[in-house]
C-alpha cells in the first residue's frame, strides 16, 4: 500500500462531522474495498490508548465498498463532550485488507474549533 495520505481536518464542537472517502485505483476506477475492515480514530495524542480515543468508529455512517466509498459520522453529541475542549488532535483511518495486512491509509491533524451557536433550537 502507498504512503498514507496526510489530510488535515477541521471539527467544530457541538456539530456533526462527516468524513467521506471515495477511493480510486491508479487508473481512476473505483477501488473495490469489499473484504476490507476500515476504522477511524480521533485522539488527543498519538500515544493515547484506543480506550481513551475521542472517537473510535464502530461502523460506517454510509458505504458502498464495491465502489470504494464510505463515510464516518462523528455525531454532535460526541463532539459536545468535555474531552473535545482542546485546540487540536490527531486522527487515522486504518485498512485491514483481505490478507490481514493492516496499514494506515489516511492520517493527519484535526483542528478542533468552538461553535458560535451551542444550542440549535
Protein backbone atom coordinates (compact mmCIF):
# COMPACT_ATOMS: atom_id res chain seq x y z
CA UNK A 1 0.00 0.00 0.00
CA UNK A 2 1.19 3.53 -0.69
CA UNK A 3 2.33 6.14 1.80
CA UNK A 4 -0.65 7.33 3.87
CA UNK A 5 -2.35 10.48 2.69
CA UNK A 6 -1.84 13.30 5.18
CA UNK A 7 -5.11 15.23 5.21
CA UNK A 8 -5.74 17.86 7.89
CA UNK A 9 -9.38 18.14 9.02
CA UNK A 10 -11.41 20.71 10.96
CA UNK A 11 -14.00 19.61 13.50
CA UNK A 12 -16.37 22.03 15.23
CA UNK A 13 -17.53 21.24 18.74
CA UNK A 14 -21.28 20.68 19.08
CA UNK A 15 -21.52 19.86 15.35
CA UNK A 16 -21.77 16.65 13.38
CA UNK A 17 -18.62 15.86 11.42
CA UNK A 18 -18.88 13.72 8.29
CA UNK A 19 -15.68 12.20 6.88
CA UNK A 20 -16.33 10.93 3.34
CA UNK A 21 -13.83 8.88 1.32
CA UNK A 22 -14.05 7.94 -2.36
CA UNK A 23 -11.15 5.61 -3.24
CA UNK A 24 -9.91 5.23 -6.81
CA UNK A 25 -7.31 2.97 -8.39
CA UNK A 26 -4.26 4.39 -10.20
CA UNK A 27 -6.30 4.09 -13.41
CA UNK A 28 -9.10 6.23 -11.93
CA UNK A 29 -11.57 3.38 -11.44
CA UNK A 30 -13.44 2.75 -8.16
CA UNK A 31 -11.32 0.69 -5.75
CA UNK A 32 -13.33 -2.35 -4.65
CA UNK A 33 -12.99 -2.38 -0.85
CA UNK A 34 -15.22 -5.37 -0.20
CA UNK A 35 -13.45 -7.65 2.27
CA UNK A 36 -11.60 -4.78 3.92
CA UNK A 37 -12.03 -3.76 7.55
CA UNK A 38 -11.78 0.01 7.86
CA UNK A 39 -11.78 2.05 11.05
CA UNK A 40 -11.17 5.65 12.12
CA UNK A 41 -9.91 7.05 15.41
CA UNK A 42 -9.51 10.60 16.72
CA UNK A 43 -7.27 11.04 19.75
CA UNK A 44 -5.88 13.92 21.79
CA UNK A 45 -2.39 12.46 21.45
CA UNK A 46 -0.97 9.78 19.20
CA UNK A 47 0.19 7.85 22.28
CA UNK A 48 -3.30 7.62 23.83
CA UNK A 49 -4.70 4.09 24.05
CA UNK A 50 -7.77 3.28 21.94
CA UNK A 51 -9.88 3.22 25.12
CA UNK A 52 -9.19 6.97 25.54
CA UNK A 53 -9.98 7.94 21.94
CA UNK A 54 -12.26 10.92 21.47
CA UNK A 55 -13.86 8.92 18.65
CA UNK A 56 -13.35 5.32 17.59
CA UNK A 57 -15.53 4.09 14.74
CA UNK A 58 -17.86 1.21 15.36
CA UNK A 59 -19.30 1.14 11.86
CA UNK A 60 -19.75 3.26 8.75
CA UNK A 61 -22.26 6.05 8.52
CA UNK A 62 -22.70 5.05 4.89
CA UNK A 63 -20.82 2.84 2.50
CA UNK A 64 -20.70 1.42 -1.00
CA UNK A 65 -17.49 -0.57 -0.64
CA UNK A 66 -17.77 -2.14 -4.10
CA UNK A 67 -17.31 1.38 -5.48
CA UNK A 68 -14.68 2.47 -2.94
CA UNK A 69 -17.00 4.77 -0.99
CA UNK A 70 -17.53 5.05 2.74
CA UNK A 71 -18.04 7.68 5.40
CA UNK A 72 -17.80 8.04 9.15
CA UNK A 73 -20.05 10.32 11.20
CA UNK A 74 -18.85 11.82 14.46
CA UNK A 75 -22.17 12.99 15.96
CA UNK A 76 -22.67 16.35 17.64
CA UNK A 77 -23.45 14.52 20.87
CA UNK A 78 -19.87 13.21 20.77
CA UNK A 79 -18.14 16.48 19.80
CA UNK A 80 -20.05 18.22 22.61
CA UNK A 81 -18.16 16.15 25.19
CA UNK A 82 -15.72 17.82 27.56
CA UNK A 83 -12.79 15.91 26.03
CA UNK A 84 -13.26 17.90 22.83
CA UNK A 85 -12.43 21.23 24.59
CA UNK A 86 -8.97 21.20 23.01
CA UNK A 87 -7.37 23.04 20.09
CA UNK A 88 -6.08 20.05 18.15
CA UNK A 89 -6.00 16.27 17.95
CA UNK A 90 -4.70 13.55 15.63
CA UNK A 91 -6.64 11.05 13.56
CA UNK A 92 -6.02 7.96 11.49
CA UNK A 93 -8.00 5.78 9.08
CA UNK A 94 -6.74 2.19 9.05
CA UNK A 95 -7.36 -0.55 6.49
CA UNK A 96 -7.06 -4.27 7.11
CA UNK A 97 -7.06 -5.97 3.72
CA UNK A 98 -8.45 -9.46 2.99
CA UNK A 99 -4.97 -10.96 3.61
CA UNK A 100 -4.89 -9.38 7.12
CA UNK A 101 -2.30 -6.71 6.26
CA UNK A 102 -3.03 -3.66 8.42
CA UNK A 103 -1.93 -0.24 7.19
CA UNK A 104 -2.64 3.43 7.70
CA UNK A 105 -4.46 4.87 4.68
CA UNK A 106 -5.25 8.42 5.83
CA UNK A 107 -3.82 10.39 8.74
CA UNK A 108 -3.41 13.92 9.94
CA UNK A 109 -4.16 16.59 12.46
CA UNK A 110 -7.65 17.60 13.47
CA UNK A 111 -8.19 21.23 14.39
CA UNK A 112 -10.94 21.44 16.99
CA UNK A 113 -12.90 24.69 16.84
CA UNK A 114 -15.61 26.01 19.14
CA UNK A 115 -19.04 26.81 17.73
CA UNK A 116 -20.62 30.23 17.98
CA UNK A 117 -24.10 28.81 18.50
CA UNK A 118 -24.07 25.99 21.04
CA UNK A 119 -27.73 25.01 21.19
CA UNK A 120 -29.65 24.81 17.93
CA UNK A 121 -33.39 25.04 18.60
